[in-house]
Protein backbone atom coordinates (compact mmCIF):
# COMPACT_ATOMS: atom_id res chain seq x y z
CA UNK A 1 -34.75 -35.45 66.20
CA UNK A 2 -37.70 -33.23 66.68
CA UNK A 3 -38.26 -29.62 65.94
CA UNK A 4 -37.22 -28.64 69.50
CA UNK A 5 -34.20 -26.39 69.43
CA UNK A 6 -31.47 -26.37 72.06
CA UNK A 7 -31.18 -23.73 74.75
CA UNK A 8 -27.48 -23.05 75.15
CA UNK A 9 -25.93 -22.96 78.58
CA UNK A 10 -23.01 -20.59 78.71
CA UNK A 11 -21.12 -20.10 81.92
CA UNK A 12 -18.00 -18.04 81.42
CA UNK A 13 -14.98 -19.92 82.58
CA UNK A 14 -13.62 -16.74 84.05
CA UNK A 15 -16.30 -16.90 86.70
CA UNK A 16 -15.38 -20.36 87.87
CA UNK A 17 -13.05 -19.14 90.51
CA UNK A 18 -13.42 -17.24 93.76
CA UNK A 19 -11.27 -14.18 93.98
CA UNK A 20 -9.44 -13.97 97.25
CA UNK A 21 -10.70 -10.45 97.79
CA UNK A 22 -14.35 -11.30 97.11
CA UNK A 23 -16.84 -11.26 99.95
CA UNK A 24 -19.54 -13.87 100.50
CA UNK A 25 -22.15 -11.31 99.41
CA UNK A 26 -20.72 -10.31 96.04
CA UNK A 27 -21.87 -10.55 92.44
CA UNK A 28 -18.90 -12.69 91.25
CA UNK A 29 -19.57 -15.23 94.01
CA UNK A 30 -23.28 -15.50 93.19
CA UNK A 31 -22.57 -15.75 89.46
CA UNK A 32 -19.98 -18.45 90.11
CA UNK A 33 -22.41 -20.43 92.31
CA UNK A 34 -25.24 -19.93 89.84
CA UNK A 35 -23.02 -21.15 87.02
CA UNK A 36 -22.11 -24.27 88.97
CA UNK A 37 -25.81 -24.90 89.58
CA UNK A 38 -26.47 -24.78 85.85
CA UNK A 39 -23.55 -27.08 85.07
CA UNK A 40 -24.84 -29.53 87.71
CA UNK A 41 -28.41 -29.13 86.39
CA UNK A 42 -29.40 -27.96 89.87
CA UNK A 43 -31.65 -25.28 88.46
CA UNK A 44 -33.16 -24.18 91.75
CA UNK A 45 -29.71 -23.58 93.18
CA UNK A 46 -28.87 -21.59 90.05
CA UNK A 47 -32.04 -19.51 90.40
CA UNK A 48 -31.33 -18.78 94.06
CA UNK A 49 -27.82 -17.51 93.37
CA UNK A 50 -28.59 -15.55 90.22
CA UNK A 51 -31.49 -13.89 92.07
CA UNK A 52 -29.03 -12.79 94.75
CA UNK A 53 -26.82 -11.34 92.01
CA UNK A 54 -29.77 -9.38 90.65
CA UNK A 55 -30.49 -8.04 94.11
CA UNK A 56 -27.07 -6.43 94.02
CA UNK A 57 -27.23 -5.48 90.34
CA UNK A 58 -30.77 -5.55 88.84
CA UNK A 59 -29.41 -5.19 85.29
CA UNK A 60 -26.71 -7.82 85.41
CA UNK A 61 -26.82 -9.29 81.92
CA UNK A 62 -25.34 -12.68 82.78
CA UNK A 63 -27.69 -13.21 85.70
CA UNK A 64 -30.76 -12.32 83.64
CA UNK A 65 -29.75 -14.51 80.73
CA UNK A 66 -28.85 -17.51 82.84
CA UNK A 67 -31.98 -17.21 84.98
CA UNK A 68 -33.76 -17.73 81.67
CA UNK A 69 -31.71 -20.88 81.08
CA UNK A 70 -32.54 -22.12 84.59
CA UNK A 71 -36.26 -21.49 84.16
CA UNK A 72 -36.14 -23.32 80.85
CA UNK A 73 -34.50 -26.22 82.68
CA UNK A 74 -37.55 -26.57 84.95
CA UNK A 75 -40.00 -26.03 82.08
CA UNK A 76 -41.08 -22.57 83.19
CA UNK A 77 -41.06 -21.35 79.61
CA UNK A 78 -42.85 -18.03 80.09
CA UNK A 79 -40.56 -16.99 82.94
CA UNK A 80 -37.58 -18.06 80.87
CA UNK A 81 -38.70 -15.91 77.97
CA UNK A 82 -39.33 -12.91 80.25
CA UNK A 83 -35.75 -13.05 81.52
CA UNK A 84 -34.26 -13.62 78.07
CA UNK A 85 -36.12 -10.55 76.83
CA UNK A 86 -34.94 -8.48 79.81
CA UNK A 87 -31.37 -9.51 79.00
CA UNK A 88 -31.99 -8.71 75.31
CA UNK A 89 -32.85 -5.11 76.22
CA UNK A 90 -29.37 -4.83 77.75
CA UNK A 91 -27.39 -6.58 74.98
CA UNK A 92 -29.34 -7.34 71.80
CA UNK A 93 -26.31 -8.78 69.96
CA UNK A 94 -25.25 -11.52 72.37
CA UNK A 95 -25.02 -14.70 70.29
CA UNK A 96 -26.06 -17.24 72.93
CA UNK A 97 -28.96 -15.10 74.08
CA UNK A 98 -30.27 -14.72 70.53
CA UNK A 99 -29.95 -18.46 69.99
CA UNK A 100 -31.94 -19.04 73.17
CA UNK A 101 -34.66 -16.62 72.09
CA UNK A 102 -34.71 -18.22 68.65
CA UNK A 103 -35.10 -21.65 70.23
CA UNK A 104 -38.00 -20.46 72.36
CA UNK A 105 -39.84 -18.91 69.42
CA UNK A 106 -39.15 -22.02 67.31
CA UNK A 107 -40.61 -24.26 69.99
CA UNK A 108 -43.70 -22.00 70.01
CA UNK A 109 -43.97 -22.36 66.19
CA UNK A 110 -43.20 -18.68 65.66
CA UNK A 111 -40.65 -19.33 62.95
CA UNK A 112 -40.17 -15.83 61.57
CA UNK A 113 -39.36 -14.44 65.02
CA UNK A 114 -37.07 -17.42 65.55
CA UNK A 115 -35.25 -16.76 62.27
CA UNK A 116 -34.60 -13.13 63.23
CA UNK A 117 -32.83 -14.21 66.42
CA UNK A 118 -31.01 -17.16 64.84
CA UNK A 119 -29.69 -14.83 62.14
CA UNK A 120 -28.32 -12.46 64.78
CA UNK A 121 -26.69 -15.36 66.61
CA UNK A 122 -25.05 -16.66 63.43
CA UNK A 123 -23.87 -13.20 62.33
CA UNK A 124 -22.44 -12.60 65.80
CA UNK A 125 -20.50 -15.88 65.73
CA UNK A 126 -20.42 -17.82 62.47
CA UNK A 127 -18.00 -20.41 63.86
CA UNK A 128 -20.54 -22.32 65.98
CA UNK A 129 -22.19 -25.19 64.11
CA UNK A 130 -25.25 -25.09 66.37
CA UNK A 131 -26.10 -21.56 65.25
CA UNK A 132 -25.87 -22.58 61.59
CA UNK A 133 -27.88 -25.76 62.27
CA UNK A 134 -30.69 -23.93 64.05
CA UNK A 135 -30.90 -21.25 61.38
CA UNK A 136 -30.87 -23.82 58.58
CA UNK A 137 -33.59 -25.90 60.26
CA UNK A 138 -35.79 -22.84 60.71
CA UNK A 139 -35.32 -21.77 57.09
CA UNK A 140 -36.42 -25.26 56.07
CA UNK A 141 -39.40 -25.07 58.38
CA UNK A 142 -40.79 -22.08 56.46
CA UNK A 143 -39.99 -23.66 53.08
CA UNK A 144 -36.91 -21.58 52.24
CA UNK A 145 -34.84 -24.56 51.10
CA UNK A 146 -32.56 -22.34 49.01
CA UNK A 147 -31.39 -20.71 52.22
CA UNK A 148 -31.65 -23.82 54.39
CA UNK A 149 -29.31 -26.15 52.49
CA UNK A 150 -26.30 -23.78 52.28
CA UNK A 151 -26.64 -23.01 55.99
CA UNK A 152 -26.91 -26.68 56.93
CA UNK A 153 -23.89 -27.53 54.80
CA UNK A 154 -22.05 -24.73 56.61
CA UNK A 155 -22.94 -26.48 59.87
CA UNK A 156 -21.71 -29.78 58.40
CA UNK A 157 -18.35 -28.28 57.50
CA UNK A 158 -18.02 -26.85 61.00
CA UNK A 159 -18.94 -30.17 62.62
CA UNK A 160 -18.58 -33.04 60.11
CA UNK A 161 -19.48 -35.77 62.59
CA UNK A 162 -22.84 -34.58 63.91
CA UNK A 163 -25.71 -36.92 62.84
CA UNK A 164 -28.44 -34.32 63.44
CA UNK A 165 -26.91 -32.04 60.81
CA UNK A 166 -26.99 -34.84 58.22
CA UNK A 167 -30.56 -35.66 59.22
CA UNK A 168 -31.60 -32.03 58.69
CA UNK A 169 -29.92 -31.97 55.27
CA UNK A 170 -31.71 -35.20 54.35
CA UNK A 171 -35.05 -33.67 55.34
CA UNK A 172 -34.43 -30.73 52.99
CA UNK A 173 -33.62 -33.03 50.08
CA UNK A 174 -36.71 -35.14 50.81
CA UNK A 175 -38.86 -32.00 50.87
CA UNK A 176 -37.36 -30.92 47.53
CA UNK A 177 -37.99 -34.36 46.00
CA UNK A 178 -34.27 -35.13 45.62
CA UNK A 179 -34.80 -38.65 46.92
CA UNK A 180 -31.40 -40.17 46.16
CA UNK A 181 -29.68 -37.32 48.01
CA UNK A 182 -32.14 -37.65 50.89
CA UNK A 183 -31.42 -41.38 51.12
CA UNK A 184 -27.67 -40.72 51.15
CA UNK A 185 -27.82 -38.20 54.00
CA UNK A 186 -30.22 -40.31 56.09
CA UNK A 187 -27.77 -43.21 55.74
CA UNK A 188 -24.87 -40.93 56.68
CA UNK A 189 -26.81 -39.76 59.73
CA UNK A 190 -27.23 -43.38 60.80
CA UNK A 191 -23.58 -44.17 60.09
CA UNK A 192 -22.60 -41.31 62.38
CA UNK A 193 -24.68 -42.68 65.22
CA UNK A 194 -28.33 -41.62 64.81
CA UNK A 195 -30.38 -44.19 66.70
CA UNK A 196 -33.73 -42.46 67.13
CA UNK A 197 -36.91 -43.83 65.56
CA UNK A 198 -37.26 -40.86 63.20
CA UNK A 199 -34.01 -41.54 61.34
CA UNK A 200 -35.26 -45.00 60.36
CA UNK A 201 -38.85 -43.91 59.72
CA UNK A 202 -37.85 -41.05 57.42
CA UNK A 203 -35.40 -43.24 55.52
CA UNK A 204 -38.12 -45.85 55.08
CA UNK A 205 -40.52 -43.16 53.83
CA UNK A 206 -37.99 -41.99 51.23
CA UNK A 207 -37.45 -45.56 50.05
CA UNK A 208 -41.20 -45.93 49.63
CA UNK A 209 -41.20 -42.87 47.39
CA UNK A 210 -38.28 -44.39 45.44
CA UNK A 211 -40.24 -47.61 44.94
CA UNK A 212 -37.78 -49.56 47.13
CA UNK A 213 -40.57 -51.20 49.10
CA UNK A 214 -38.71 -54.25 50.35
CA UNK A 215 -35.81 -52.06 51.54
CA UNK A 216 -38.26 -49.81 53.38
CA UNK A 217 -39.67 -52.64 55.51
CA UNK A 218 -36.61 -53.14 57.79
CA UNK A 219 -36.39 -49.37 58.36
CA UNK A 220 -40.00 -49.25 59.57
CA UNK A 221 -39.33 -52.34 61.69
CA UNK A 222 -36.34 -50.62 63.30
CA UNK A 223 -38.42 -47.50 63.93
CA UNK A 224 -41.11 -49.62 65.62
CA UNK A 225 -38.48 -51.28 67.76
CA UNK A 226 -37.49 -47.84 69.03
CA UNK A 227 -41.04 -46.51 69.31
CA UNK A 228 -43.51 -49.41 69.63
CA UNK A 229 -46.55 -47.12 69.81
CA UNK A 230 -45.78 -45.44 66.46
CA UNK A 231 -48.95 -46.08 64.47
CA UNK A 232 -47.54 -44.25 61.45
CA UNK A 233 -44.55 -46.63 61.45
CA UNK A 234 -46.83 -49.67 61.60
CA UNK A 235 -49.13 -48.36 58.88
CA UNK A 236 -46.18 -47.48 56.64
CA UNK A 237 -44.77 -50.98 57.09
CA UNK A 238 -48.19 -52.43 56.20
CA UNK A 239 -48.25 -50.36 53.00
CA UNK A 240 -44.70 -51.49 52.18
CA UNK A 241 -45.80 -55.13 52.47
CA UNK A 242 -48.78 -54.38 50.22
CA UNK A 243 -46.57 -52.71 47.61
CA UNK A 244 -44.13 -55.63 47.86
CA UNK A 245 -46.94 -58.03 46.96
CA UNK A 246 -47.08 -59.75 50.35
CA UNK A 247 -50.80 -59.18 50.78
CA UNK A 248 -51.36 -61.60 53.66
CA UNK A 249 -48.66 -59.88 55.73
CA UNK A 250 -50.03 -56.48 54.69
CA UNK A 251 -53.48 -57.51 55.96
CA UNK A 252 -51.97 -58.67 59.23
CA UNK A 253 -50.16 -55.36 59.67
CA UNK A 254 -53.16 -53.18 58.73
CA UNK A 255 -55.29 -55.20 61.16
CA UNK A 256 -52.91 -54.23 63.97
CA UNK A 257 -53.31 -50.58 62.98
CA UNK A 258 -57.11 -50.62 63.09
CA UNK A 259 -57.02 -52.49 66.38
CA UNK A 260 -54.88 -49.67 67.78
CA UNK A 261 -56.92 -46.91 66.09
CA UNK A 262 -60.37 -47.93 64.89
CA UNK A 263 -60.97 -44.45 63.41
CA UNK A 264 -58.02 -44.74 61.01
CA UNK A 265 -59.82 -44.75 57.65
CA UNK A 266 -56.61 -45.11 55.66
CA UNK A 267 -55.79 -48.31 57.53
CA UNK A 268 -59.31 -49.70 56.93
CA UNK A 269 -58.89 -48.99 53.20
CA UNK A 270 -55.50 -50.71 53.25
CA UNK A 271 -56.89 -53.68 55.17
CA UNK A 272 -59.80 -54.11 52.78
CA UNK A 273 -57.55 -53.83 49.74
CA UNK A 274 -55.08 -56.33 51.22
CA UNK A 275 -57.85 -58.83 51.93
CA UNK A 276 -59.12 -58.49 48.34
CA UNK A 277 -55.66 -58.84 46.81
CA UNK A 278 -54.96 -61.86 49.05
CA UNK A 279 -58.18 -63.53 47.84
CA UNK A 280 -60.20 -63.06 51.04
CA UNK A 281 -63.24 -61.72 49.21
CA UNK A 282 -65.71 -62.06 52.11
CA UNK A 283 -63.53 -60.02 54.50
CA UNK A 284 -62.83 -57.45 51.80
CA UNK A 285 -66.52 -57.05 50.91
CA UNK A 286 -67.42 -56.55 54.58
CA UNK A 287 -64.96 -53.67 54.87
CA UNK A 288 -66.02 -52.23 51.51
CA UNK A 289 -69.66 -52.16 52.63
CA UNK A 290 -68.67 -50.44 55.88
CA UNK A 291 -66.72 -47.79 53.99
CA UNK A 292 -69.65 -47.12 51.64
CA UNK A 293 -71.90 -46.62 54.68
CA UNK A 294 -69.54 -43.98 56.09
CA UNK A 295 -68.87 -42.23 52.76
CA UNK A 296 -69.20 -43.68 49.26
CA UNK A 297 -65.95 -41.98 48.22
CA UNK A 298 -64.09 -44.14 50.77
CA UNK A 299 -65.40 -47.30 49.14
CA UNK A 300 -64.32 -46.01 45.74
CA UNK A 301 -60.86 -45.25 47.16
CA UNK A 302 -60.51 -48.86 48.33
CA UNK A 303 -61.49 -50.07 44.86
CA UNK A 304 -59.00 -47.64 43.31
CA UNK A 305 -56.18 -49.05 45.47
CA UNK A 306 -57.07 -52.59 44.43
CA UNK A 307 -57.24 -51.65 40.75
CA UNK A 308 -53.99 -49.70 40.92
CA UNK A 309 -52.19 -52.61 42.55
CA UNK A 310 -53.52 -55.08 39.96
CA UNK A 311 -52.22 -52.81 37.18
CA UNK A 312 -48.84 -52.39 38.88
CA UNK A 313 -48.39 -56.12 39.35
CA UNK A 314 -49.40 -56.72 35.74
CA UNK A 315 -46.76 -54.25 34.55
CA UNK A 316 -44.14 -55.88 36.79
CA UNK A 317 -44.94 -59.31 35.35
CA UNK A 318 -44.41 -57.92 31.82
CA UNK A 319 -41.02 -56.53 32.81
CA UNK A 320 -39.88 -59.76 34.46
CA UNK A 321 -37.61 -61.99 32.35
CA UNK A 322 -39.37 -64.93 30.81
């Protein structure tokens, strides 16, 4: 569930037949063959046939638009955009075309251009959940949560069983600090079938912010199972162990992080703090000295983490029943 948006393939069903009167060298035949190439993901076959259609009609909207889809299929993004824009000059209100242009601009991190095209797509056809989803995600990307959430809920109503929509709604709530709502929608996303590492990682991150450290650990573990090289997942799990009071396990986890990324200062601070809290003073002092050598503020940050954790544990012991 990344920020990549979906390029829509549209092949009009009316073209999936060969008229008895059509000749072998005719636009309907080439469009039909090009459409079959796209459906079969044979993008070179699609390009060949749509190019023949353009030879006969250089301004054929469908050929230009679907050549863009084919080029996108073989990762020729610039050529795809060129053909989408040529098609746009012929029909600037086509919903699928505007969605495709919006997706391309979104993937290039040009959100305001993306929003303009996603808005046209949605206004042209407000019944497609993908248009509402893409527009809502892009609103969220630029921080317009007041516009993002209503649009994403519109997508949810149009397609109640799509886990990505629930994931996007959860992200908005997490960004707004509505953590209970974020947790609910991440869980709903998983219930509906989300099995990517991000769904577990983001849920774990929200539970950390809620103070549900022990409940966060299995989410980070699941995320690591799906993406073993996710250093952020491993470091987050280490922090969850630290906050849960399992300092030996936290040290073990932070050690794995620094072994994978020796330049990760946050992990070194966590490792040193975990050693200190676990009673391994010699190991902690060695790391503290190293941090002071790099930057004295880093050493002070490690001491702050240790002090903060001592205070937190002291408060927890006061709250515990006698």
